[in-house]
């Protein structure tokens, strides 16, 4: 909780994408090619990293996301570096091994929210927490978050990414 008594969000994970230097280096060491779509299409210099790998960076200055491609063919173009079931890119460093982070919970923790990146594309972690806790029923909270995420996606694009959310409300004795 913040000083005003409001529940404050706390990120419990970090996305595994080519924006992270450690993930970028790992994929490249395995033989993966990391380039934006514009680089693959020949519109931008292939040798230049046109995105930032600075701590916390999540978008390129061109708006074109770096993607993982097979070494000698322009597929699949994944915007992530960890994935379950994408067997074609295991050989170039995209695999399902998770990063494990342990956190101690206490009575100040009111909920655990697990959501896909499609939820957080346009909604902040704090907005998601506020929406979840505005509902006594976690299913209603999840539905409201999915609905707002979809609405935001369609304001910005003709498609949406995966939008999945699970809410576990914590009740301390």
N, C-alpha and C. Protein backbone atom coordinates (compact mmCIF):
# COMPACT_ATOMS: atom_id res chain seq x y z
N UNK A 1 0.84 -1.19 0.00
CA UNK A 1 0.00 0.00 0.00
C UNK A 1 0.88 1.24 0.00
N UNK A 2 0.35 2.27 -0.66
CA UNK A 2 1.04 3.55 -0.66
C UNK A 2 0.71 4.33 0.60
N UNK A 3 1.31 5.49 0.76
CA UNK A 3 1.06 6.32 1.94
C UNK A 3 -0.40 6.74 2.03
N UNK A 4 -1.09 6.81 0.89
CA UNK A 4 -2.50 7.19 0.89
C UNK A 4 -3.43 6.01 1.17
N UNK A 5 -2.85 4.82 1.43
CA UNK A 5 -3.64 3.63 1.73
C UNK A 5 -4.08 2.85 0.50
N UNK A 6 -3.81 3.40 -0.68
CA UNK A 6 -4.20 2.74 -1.93
C UNK A 6 -3.25 1.56 -2.22
N UNK A 7 -3.82 0.48 -2.72
CA UNK A 7 -3.01 -0.68 -3.10
C UNK A 7 -2.15 -0.29 -4.29
N UNK A 8 -0.86 -0.56 -4.21
CA UNK A 8 0.10 -0.20 -5.25
C UNK A 8 0.55 -1.47 -5.96
N UNK A 9 0.58 -1.43 -7.28
CA UNK A 9 1.01 -2.59 -8.05
C UNK A 9 2.51 -2.82 -7.88
N UNK A 10 2.90 -4.09 -7.99
CA UNK A 10 4.31 -4.45 -7.93
C UNK A 10 4.54 -5.54 -8.97
N UNK A 11 5.36 -5.21 -9.97
CA UNK A 11 5.62 -6.18 -11.03
C UNK A 11 6.38 -7.38 -10.45
N UNK A 12 5.93 -8.57 -10.78
CA UNK A 12 6.56 -9.79 -10.29
C UNK A 12 7.34 -10.51 -11.37
N UNK A 13 7.37 -9.95 -12.58
CA UNK A 13 8.12 -10.58 -13.66
C UNK A 13 8.61 -9.52 -14.63
N UNK A 14 9.51 -9.96 -15.50
CA UNK A 14 10.05 -9.09 -16.54
C UNK A 14 9.88 -9.83 -17.86
N UNK A 15 9.35 -9.16 -18.86
CA UNK A 15 9.14 -9.79 -20.16
C UNK A 15 10.47 -10.28 -20.75
N UNK A 16 10.41 -11.42 -21.39
CA UNK A 16 11.60 -11.98 -22.05
C UNK A 16 11.48 -11.71 -23.54
N UNK A 17 12.12 -10.62 -23.95
CA UNK A 17 12.06 -10.17 -25.33
C UNK A 17 13.45 -9.75 -25.78
N UNK A 18 13.64 -9.54 -27.09
CA UNK A 18 14.93 -9.04 -27.58
C UNK A 18 15.27 -7.63 -27.11
N UNK A 19 14.34 -6.93 -26.47
CA UNK A 19 14.67 -5.63 -25.90
C UNK A 19 15.64 -5.78 -24.74
N UNK A 20 15.62 -6.95 -24.08
CA UNK A 20 16.54 -7.19 -22.98
C UNK A 20 17.89 -7.64 -23.54
N UNK A 21 18.95 -6.95 -23.17
CA UNK A 21 20.28 -7.27 -23.69
C UNK A 21 20.68 -8.70 -23.39
N UNK A 22 20.39 -9.20 -22.18
CA UNK A 22 20.77 -10.57 -21.84
C UNK A 22 20.04 -11.58 -22.73
N UNK A 23 18.78 -11.33 -23.03
CA UNK A 23 18.02 -12.23 -23.89
C UNK A 23 18.49 -12.11 -25.35
N UNK A 24 18.73 -10.89 -25.80
CA UNK A 24 19.25 -10.65 -27.15
C UNK A 24 20.57 -11.40 -27.34
N UNK A 25 21.48 -11.24 -26.40
CA UNK A 25 22.79 -11.90 -26.50
C UNK A 25 22.65 -13.42 -26.50
N UNK A 26 21.76 -13.96 -25.65
CA UNK A 26 21.57 -15.41 -25.56
C UNK A 26 21.06 -15.97 -26.87
N UNK A 27 20.08 -15.31 -27.47
CA UNK A 27 19.53 -15.77 -28.75
C UNK A 27 20.59 -15.69 -29.85
N UNK A 28 21.31 -14.60 -29.90
CA UNK A 28 22.36 -14.47 -30.92
C UNK A 28 23.46 -15.51 -30.75
N UNK A 29 23.83 -15.83 -29.50
CA UNK A 29 24.85 -16.86 -29.25
C UNK A 29 24.38 -18.23 -29.75
N UNK A 30 23.08 -18.46 -29.73
CA UNK A 30 22.52 -19.74 -30.19
C UNK A 30 22.33 -19.77 -31.71
N UNK A 31 22.64 -18.67 -32.39
CA UNK A 31 22.51 -18.62 -33.84
C UNK A 31 21.25 -17.96 -34.35
N UNK A 32 20.45 -17.42 -33.43
CA UNK A 32 19.24 -16.73 -33.85
C UNK A 32 19.57 -15.37 -34.45
N UNK A 33 18.74 -14.95 -35.34
CA UNK A 33 18.88 -13.63 -35.97
C UNK A 33 17.82 -12.74 -35.34
N UNK A 34 18.22 -11.58 -34.85
CA UNK A 34 17.27 -10.64 -34.25
C UNK A 34 17.29 -9.38 -35.09
N UNK A 35 16.15 -9.13 -35.73
CA UNK A 35 16.01 -7.96 -36.59
C UNK A 35 14.56 -7.51 -36.56
N UNK A 36 14.35 -6.26 -36.90
CA UNK A 36 13.00 -5.75 -37.05
C UNK A 36 12.45 -6.18 -38.41
N UNK A 37 11.17 -6.06 -38.60
CA UNK A 37 10.57 -6.39 -39.90
C UNK A 37 11.15 -5.50 -41.00
N UNK A 38 11.40 -4.23 -40.67
CA UNK A 38 11.97 -3.30 -41.66
C UNK A 38 13.37 -3.76 -42.08
N UNK A 39 14.13 -4.30 -41.15
CA UNK A 39 15.45 -4.82 -41.50
C UNK A 39 15.34 -6.04 -42.41
N UNK A 40 14.41 -6.94 -42.09
CA UNK A 40 14.21 -8.13 -42.91
C UNK A 40 13.77 -7.74 -44.32
N UNK A 41 12.95 -6.69 -44.42
CA UNK A 41 12.46 -6.23 -45.72
C UNK A 41 13.48 -5.36 -46.46
N UNK A 42 14.65 -5.11 -45.85
CA UNK A 42 15.69 -4.33 -46.50
C UNK A 42 15.50 -2.83 -46.44
N UNK A 43 14.62 -2.36 -45.57
CA UNK A 43 14.35 -0.93 -45.47
C UNK A 43 15.29 -0.22 -44.49
N UNK A 44 15.96 -1.00 -43.64
CA UNK A 44 16.85 -0.46 -42.62
C UNK A 44 18.13 -1.29 -42.62
N UNK A 45 19.25 -0.66 -42.29
CA UNK A 45 20.54 -1.34 -42.23
C UNK A 45 20.45 -2.60 -41.35
N UNK A 46 20.90 -3.72 -41.89
CA UNK A 46 20.84 -4.99 -41.18
C UNK A 46 21.76 -5.03 -39.96
N UNK A 47 22.84 -4.30 -39.99
CA UNK A 47 23.83 -4.38 -38.92
C UNK A 47 23.49 -3.51 -37.72
N UNK A 48 22.55 -2.62 -37.87
CA UNK A 48 22.26 -1.66 -36.81
C UNK A 48 21.15 -2.18 -35.89
N UNK A 49 21.39 -2.13 -34.58
CA UNK A 49 20.32 -2.40 -33.63
C UNK A 49 19.51 -1.12 -33.53
N UNK A 50 18.35 -1.10 -34.16
CA UNK A 50 17.55 0.12 -34.24
C UNK A 50 16.58 0.24 -33.07
N UNK A 51 16.82 -0.55 -32.04
CA UNK A 51 16.00 -0.49 -30.85
C UNK A 51 16.93 -0.39 -29.65
N UNK A 52 16.38 -0.01 -28.53
CA UNK A 52 17.17 0.14 -27.31
C UNK A 52 17.13 -1.15 -26.51
N UNK A 53 18.28 -1.56 -25.98
CA UNK A 53 18.32 -2.68 -25.04
C UNK A 53 18.59 -2.16 -23.64
N UNK A 54 18.28 -0.89 -23.42
CA UNK A 54 18.46 -0.30 -22.10
C UNK A 54 17.51 -0.95 -21.10
N UNK A 55 17.89 -0.95 -19.86
CA UNK A 55 17.06 -1.51 -18.80
C UNK A 55 15.66 -0.93 -18.88
N UNK A 56 14.65 -1.79 -18.97
CA UNK A 56 13.27 -1.35 -19.00
C UNK A 56 12.74 -0.94 -20.36
N UNK A 57 13.58 -0.97 -21.40
CA UNK A 57 13.11 -0.58 -22.74
C UNK A 57 12.10 -1.61 -23.23
N UNK A 58 11.02 -1.14 -23.80
CA UNK A 58 10.01 -2.05 -24.32
C UNK A 58 9.50 -1.62 -25.68
N UNK A 59 10.14 -0.63 -26.29
CA UNK A 59 9.75 -0.30 -27.64
C UNK A 59 10.91 0.36 -28.36
N UNK A 60 10.92 0.20 -29.67
CA UNK A 60 12.01 0.77 -30.45
C UNK A 60 11.67 2.22 -30.81
N UNK A 61 12.69 2.99 -31.15
CA UNK A 61 12.41 4.37 -31.53
C UNK A 61 11.74 4.45 -32.90
N UNK A 62 11.75 3.34 -33.64
CA UNK A 62 11.08 3.30 -34.94
C UNK A 62 9.67 2.74 -34.83
N UNK A 63 9.31 2.16 -33.67
CA UNK A 63 8.01 1.52 -33.51
C UNK A 63 7.98 0.11 -34.09
N UNK A 64 9.11 -0.36 -34.60
CA UNK A 64 9.22 -1.68 -35.21
C UNK A 64 9.91 -2.61 -34.23
N UNK A 65 9.21 -3.59 -33.72
CA UNK A 65 9.70 -4.49 -32.68
C UNK A 65 10.79 -5.42 -33.19
N UNK A 66 11.88 -5.60 -32.43
CA UNK A 66 12.86 -6.61 -32.82
C UNK A 66 12.26 -8.00 -32.66
N UNK A 67 12.55 -8.86 -33.62
CA UNK A 67 11.97 -10.20 -33.64
C UNK A 67 13.05 -11.25 -33.87
N UNK A 68 12.77 -12.48 -33.42
CA UNK A 68 13.70 -13.59 -33.60
C UNK A 68 13.32 -14.35 -34.86
N UNK A 69 14.33 -14.53 -35.73
CA UNK A 69 14.16 -15.23 -37.00
C UNK A 69 15.14 -16.39 -37.05
N UNK A 70 14.80 -17.42 -37.81
CA UNK A 70 15.75 -18.50 -38.05
C UNK A 70 16.96 -17.93 -38.78
N UNK A 71 18.08 -18.61 -38.69
CA UNK A 71 19.34 -18.09 -39.21
C UNK A 71 19.28 -17.73 -40.69
N UNK A 72 18.73 -18.60 -41.52
CA UNK A 72 18.79 -18.40 -42.97
C UNK A 72 17.44 -18.29 -43.66
N UNK A 73 16.39 -18.11 -42.89
CA UNK A 73 15.05 -17.99 -43.49
C UNK A 73 14.23 -17.01 -42.65
N UNK A 74 13.39 -16.24 -43.28
CA UNK A 74 12.65 -15.18 -42.61
C UNK A 74 11.37 -15.68 -41.94
N UNK A 75 11.53 -16.64 -41.06
CA UNK A 75 10.42 -17.12 -40.23
C UNK A 75 10.97 -17.37 -38.84
N UNK A 76 10.24 -17.38 -37.78
CA UNK A 76 8.84 -17.03 -37.62
C UNK A 76 8.63 -15.56 -37.27
N UNK A 77 9.66 -14.84 -36.86
CA UNK A 77 9.50 -13.43 -36.48
C UNK A 77 8.84 -13.26 -35.13
N UNK A 78 9.33 -13.99 -34.12
CA UNK A 78 8.75 -13.91 -32.77
C UNK A 78 9.26 -12.67 -32.04
N UNK A 79 8.37 -11.98 -31.36
CA UNK A 79 8.72 -10.80 -30.58
C UNK A 79 9.06 -11.18 -29.14
N UNK A 80 9.30 -12.46 -28.89
CA UNK A 80 9.64 -12.95 -27.56
C UNK A 80 10.85 -13.88 -27.66
N UNK A 81 11.51 -14.10 -26.53
CA UNK A 81 12.67 -14.97 -26.52
C UNK A 81 12.46 -16.24 -25.69
N UNK A 82 11.30 -16.36 -25.09
CA UNK A 82 10.91 -17.58 -24.37
C UNK A 82 9.51 -17.93 -24.85
N UNK A 83 9.29 -19.21 -25.10
CA UNK A 83 7.99 -19.61 -25.62
C UNK A 83 7.79 -21.10 -25.41
N UNK A 84 6.56 -21.49 -25.14
CA UNK A 84 6.21 -22.90 -25.00
C UNK A 84 5.66 -23.40 -26.33
N UNK A 85 6.28 -24.42 -26.90
CA UNK A 85 5.74 -25.07 -28.09
C UNK A 85 6.21 -24.54 -29.42
N UNK A 86 7.06 -23.53 -29.46
CA UNK A 86 7.59 -23.03 -30.73
C UNK A 86 8.88 -23.79 -31.06
N UNK A 87 8.70 -25.07 -31.42
CA UNK A 87 9.83 -25.98 -31.60
C UNK A 87 10.78 -25.55 -32.70
N UNK A 88 10.29 -24.86 -33.73
CA UNK A 88 11.13 -24.46 -34.85
C UNK A 88 12.24 -23.51 -34.42
N UNK A 89 12.04 -22.76 -33.34
CA UNK A 89 13.04 -21.78 -32.93
C UNK A 89 13.83 -22.19 -31.69
N UNK A 90 13.60 -23.39 -31.20
CA UNK A 90 14.40 -23.87 -30.07
C UNK A 90 15.89 -23.89 -30.42
N UNK A 91 16.20 -24.26 -31.66
CA UNK A 91 17.61 -24.37 -32.06
C UNK A 91 18.30 -23.02 -32.18
N UNK A 92 17.53 -21.92 -32.17
CA UNK A 92 18.14 -20.59 -32.22
C UNK A 92 17.90 -19.81 -30.92
N UNK A 93 17.69 -20.54 -29.84
CA UNK A 93 17.67 -19.92 -28.52
C UNK A 93 16.34 -19.52 -27.93
N UNK A 94 15.24 -19.78 -28.63
CA UNK A 94 13.92 -19.49 -28.05
C UNK A 94 13.42 -20.79 -27.43
N UNK A 95 13.33 -20.81 -26.11
CA UNK A 95 12.91 -22.03 -25.46
C UNK A 95 11.99 -21.73 -24.29
N UNK A 96 11.46 -22.79 -23.70
CA UNK A 96 10.41 -22.65 -22.69
C UNK A 96 10.93 -22.51 -21.27
N UNK A 97 12.22 -22.60 -21.05
CA UNK A 97 12.74 -22.53 -19.68
C UNK A 97 12.39 -21.18 -19.05
N UNK A 98 11.62 -21.20 -17.96
CA UNK A 98 11.20 -19.93 -17.35
C UNK A 98 12.29 -19.32 -16.48
N UNK A 99 12.17 -18.05 -16.24
CA UNK A 99 12.95 -17.40 -15.20
C UNK A 99 12.12 -17.52 -13.93
N UNK A 100 12.74 -17.90 -12.84
CA UNK A 100 12.02 -18.06 -11.57
C UNK A 100 12.43 -16.93 -10.63
N UNK A 101 11.45 -16.22 -10.14
CA UNK A 101 11.68 -15.15 -9.18
C UNK A 101 10.84 -15.46 -7.95
N UNK A 102 11.43 -15.44 -6.79
CA UNK A 102 10.70 -15.69 -5.54
C UNK A 102 10.44 -14.37 -4.84
N UNK A 103 9.23 -14.22 -4.35
CA UNK A 103 8.85 -13.03 -3.59
C UNK A 103 8.13 -13.49 -2.33
N UNK A 104 8.37 -12.82 -1.26
CA UNK A 104 7.67 -13.12 -0.02
C UNK A 104 6.39 -12.29 0.01
N UNK A 105 5.27 -12.94 0.25
CA UNK A 105 3.98 -12.25 0.35
C UNK A 105 3.68 -11.95 1.81
N UNK A 106 2.97 -10.87 2.04
CA UNK A 106 2.52 -10.55 3.39
C UNK A 106 1.09 -10.01 3.32
N UNK A 107 0.57 -9.61 4.47
CA UNK A 107 -0.83 -9.19 4.54
C UNK A 107 -1.14 -7.96 3.69
N UNK A 108 -0.13 -7.23 3.25
CA UNK A 108 -0.35 -6.08 2.38
C UNK A 108 -0.68 -6.50 0.94
N UNK A 109 -0.36 -7.73 0.58
CA UNK A 109 -0.64 -8.24 -0.76
C UNK A 109 -2.12 -8.61 -0.83
N UNK A 110 -2.84 -7.99 -1.74
CA UNK A 110 -4.29 -8.19 -1.83
C UNK A 110 -4.69 -9.12 -2.97
N UNK A 111 -3.79 -9.27 -3.96
CA UNK A 111 -4.12 -10.13 -5.11
C UNK A 111 -2.84 -10.49 -5.85
N UNK A 112 -2.93 -11.59 -6.56
CA UNK A 112 -1.89 -11.95 -7.53
C UNK A 112 -2.60 -11.97 -8.88
N UNK A 113 -2.06 -11.22 -9.81
CA UNK A 113 -2.66 -11.14 -11.14
C UNK A 113 -1.63 -11.64 -12.14
N UNK A 114 -2.01 -12.65 -12.88
CA UNK A 114 -1.15 -13.20 -13.93
C UNK A 114 -1.83 -12.86 -15.25
N UNK A 115 -1.10 -12.19 -16.13
CA UNK A 115 -1.71 -11.76 -17.39
C UNK A 115 -0.69 -11.80 -18.51
N UNK A 116 -1.18 -11.97 -19.72
CA UNK A 116 -0.32 -11.99 -20.90
C UNK A 116 0.09 -10.58 -21.30
N UNK A 117 1.10 -10.50 -22.15
CA UNK A 117 1.60 -9.18 -22.57
C UNK A 117 0.55 -8.38 -23.31
N UNK A 118 -0.43 -9.05 -23.91
CA UNK A 118 -1.49 -8.32 -24.60
C UNK A 118 -2.31 -7.45 -23.67
N UNK A 119 -2.37 -7.81 -22.39
CA UNK A 119 -3.07 -6.99 -21.40
C UNK A 119 -2.27 -5.72 -21.13
N UNK A 120 -0.94 -5.87 -21.01
CA UNK A 120 -0.10 -4.75 -20.60
C UNK A 120 0.40 -3.89 -21.76
N UNK A 121 -0.01 -4.21 -22.97
CA UNK A 121 0.40 -3.38 -24.11
C UNK A 121 -0.11 -1.95 -23.96
N UNK A 122 -1.34 -1.81 -23.47
CA UNK A 122 -1.94 -0.48 -23.34
C UNK A 122 -2.41 -0.15 -21.93
N UNK A 123 -2.38 -1.11 -21.03
CA UNK A 123 -2.80 -0.87 -19.65
C UNK A 123 -1.59 -0.99 -18.71
N UNK A 124 -1.44 -0.06 -17.82
CA UNK A 124 -0.34 -0.12 -16.85
C UNK A 124 -0.65 -1.19 -15.80
N UNK A 125 0.39 -1.63 -15.11
CA UNK A 125 0.20 -2.58 -14.01
C UNK A 125 -0.74 -1.99 -12.96
N UNK A 126 -0.60 -0.70 -12.68
CA UNK A 126 -1.45 -0.08 -11.67
C UNK A 126 -2.91 -0.06 -12.12
N UNK A 127 -3.16 0.23 -13.38
CA UNK A 127 -4.53 0.23 -13.91
C UNK A 127 -5.14 -1.16 -13.78
N UNK A 128 -4.37 -2.19 -14.09
CA UNK A 128 -4.86 -3.57 -14.00
C UNK A 128 -5.20 -3.91 -12.55
N UNK A 129 -4.34 -3.55 -11.62
CA UNK A 129 -4.62 -3.80 -10.19
C UNK A 129 -5.88 -3.06 -9.76
N UNK A 130 -5.99 -1.78 -10.12
CA UNK A 130 -7.17 -1.00 -9.75
C UNK A 130 -8.44 -1.62 -10.30
N UNK A 131 -8.40 -2.06 -11.56
CA UNK A 131 -9.58 -2.68 -12.18
C UNK A 131 -9.92 -3.99 -11.48
N UNK A 132 -8.91 -4.79 -11.18
CA UNK A 132 -9.16 -6.08 -10.54
C UNK A 132 -9.79 -5.90 -9.16
N UNK A 133 -9.25 -4.97 -8.38
CA UNK A 133 -9.73 -4.78 -7.01
C UNK A 133 -11.04 -4.00 -6.93
N UNK A 134 -11.48 -3.45 -8.04
CA UNK A 134 -12.77 -2.75 -8.07
C UNK A 134 -13.93 -3.75 -8.08
N UNK A 135 -13.64 -5.03 -8.21
CA UNK A 135 -14.66 -6.08 -8.28
C UNK A 135 -14.46 -7.08 -7.14
N UNK A 136 -15.54 -7.42 -6.46
CA UNK A 136 -15.47 -8.42 -5.39
C UNK A 136 -15.24 -9.81 -5.97
N UNK A 137 -15.76 -10.04 -7.17
CA UNK A 137 -15.62 -11.33 -7.85
C UNK A 137 -14.43 -11.24 -8.82
N UNK A 138 -13.39 -12.07 -8.63
CA UNK A 138 -12.23 -11.99 -9.51
C UNK A 138 -12.56 -12.28 -10.98
N UNK A 139 -13.57 -13.07 -11.23
CA UNK A 139 -13.97 -13.34 -12.61
C UNK A 139 -14.50 -12.07 -13.28
N UNK A 140 -15.28 -11.29 -12.53
CA UNK A 140 -15.78 -10.01 -13.06
C UNK A 140 -14.62 -9.04 -13.30
N UNK A 141 -13.66 -9.02 -12.39
CA UNK A 141 -12.48 -8.18 -12.57
C UNK A 141 -11.69 -8.58 -13.80
N UNK A 142 -11.50 -9.88 -13.98
CA UNK A 142 -10.77 -10.37 -15.15
C UNK A 142 -11.51 -10.01 -16.43
N UNK A 143 -12.82 -10.17 -16.42
CA UNK A 143 -13.61 -9.83 -17.61
C UNK A 143 -13.47 -8.35 -17.95
N UNK A 144 -13.52 -7.49 -16.93
CA UNK A 144 -13.40 -6.04 -17.17
C UNK A 144 -12.03 -5.71 -17.76
N UNK A 145 -10.98 -6.36 -17.27
CA UNK A 145 -9.62 -6.12 -17.79
C UNK A 145 -9.51 -6.59 -19.22
N UNK A 146 -10.04 -7.76 -19.53
CA UNK A 146 -10.00 -8.28 -20.90
C UNK A 146 -10.76 -7.35 -21.84
N UNK A 147 -11.94 -6.92 -21.40
CA UNK A 147 -12.77 -6.04 -22.24
C UNK A 147 -12.05 -4.72 -22.52
N UNK A 148 -11.45 -4.11 -21.50
CA UNK A 148 -10.74 -2.84 -21.69
C UNK A 148 -9.47 -3.03 -22.53
N UNK A 149 -8.77 -4.14 -22.32
CA UNK A 149 -7.58 -4.42 -23.13
C UNK A 149 -7.95 -4.53 -24.60
N UNK A 150 -9.00 -5.26 -24.89
CA UNK A 150 -9.45 -5.43 -26.28
C UNK A 150 -9.85 -4.08 -26.88
N UNK A 151 -10.56 -3.28 -26.09
CA UNK A 151 -10.98 -1.95 -26.56
C UNK A 151 -9.76 -1.10 -26.90
N UNK A 152 -8.76 -1.12 -26.05
CA UNK A 152 -7.55 -0.35 -26.30
C UNK A 152 -6.80 -0.85 -27.53
N UNK A 153 -6.70 -2.16 -27.69
CA UNK A 153 -6.04 -2.71 -28.87
C UNK A 153 -6.72 -2.21 -30.14
N UNK A 154 -8.04 -2.27 -30.18
CA UNK A 154 -8.76 -1.90 -31.40
C UNK A 154 -8.75 -0.39 -31.64
N UNK A 155 -8.46 0.42 -30.62
CA UNK A 155 -8.25 1.85 -30.82
C UNK A 155 -6.94 2.11 -31.55
N UNK A 156 -5.96 1.20 -31.39
CA UNK A 156 -4.62 1.41 -31.93
C UNK A 156 -4.29 0.52 -33.13
N UNK A 157 -5.05 -0.53 -33.36
CA UNK A 157 -4.69 -1.52 -34.38
C UNK A 157 -5.94 -2.22 -34.87
N UNK A 158 -5.80 -2.98 -35.94
CA UNK A 158 -6.94 -3.75 -36.47
C UNK A 158 -6.97 -5.15 -35.88
N UNK A 159 -5.98 -5.48 -35.08
CA UNK A 159 -5.90 -6.80 -34.45
C UNK A 159 -5.53 -6.62 -32.99
N UNK A 160 -5.56 -7.73 -32.26
CA UNK A 160 -5.08 -7.69 -30.88
C UNK A 160 -4.18 -8.88 -30.62
N UNK A 161 -3.32 -8.73 -29.65
CA UNK A 161 -2.47 -9.80 -29.19
C UNK A 161 -3.30 -10.67 -28.24
N UNK A 162 -2.69 -11.74 -27.75
CA UNK A 162 -3.35 -12.58 -26.76
C UNK A 162 -3.69 -11.74 -25.53
N UNK A 163 -4.91 -11.87 -25.06
CA UNK A 163 -5.37 -11.15 -23.87
C UNK A 163 -5.89 -12.18 -22.88
N UNK A 164 -5.05 -12.50 -21.91
CA UNK A 164 -5.40 -13.51 -20.91
C UNK A 164 -5.10 -12.94 -19.53
N UNK A 165 -6.00 -13.16 -18.58
CA UNK A 165 -5.76 -12.69 -17.22
C UNK A 165 -6.39 -13.65 -16.22
N UNK A 166 -5.67 -13.90 -15.14
CA UNK A 166 -6.15 -14.70 -14.02
C UNK A 166 -5.91 -13.88 -12.76
N UNK A 167 -6.93 -13.81 -11.92
CA UNK A 167 -6.83 -13.03 -10.69
C UNK A 167 -7.07 -13.95 -9.50
N UNK A 168 -6.14 -13.94 -8.56
CA UNK A 168 -6.32 -14.64 -7.30
C UNK A 168 -6.36 -13.59 -6.19
N UNK A 169 -7.53 -13.41 -5.59
CA UNK A 169 -7.65 -12.47 -4.46
C UNK A 169 -7.13 -13.17 -3.22
N UNK A 170 -6.34 -12.46 -2.43
CA UNK A 170 -5.74 -13.03 -1.22
C UNK A 170 -6.50 -12.54 0.01
N UNK A 171 -6.91 -13.48 0.84
CA UNK A 171 -7.57 -13.13 2.08
C UNK A 171 -6.72 -13.67 3.22
N UNK A 172 -6.23 -12.78 4.05
CA UNK A 172 -5.35 -13.15 5.15
C UNK A 172 -6.15 -13.34 6.42
N UNK A 173 -5.81 -14.36 7.17
CA UNK A 173 -6.47 -14.66 8.45
C UNK A 173 -5.73 -14.00 9.60
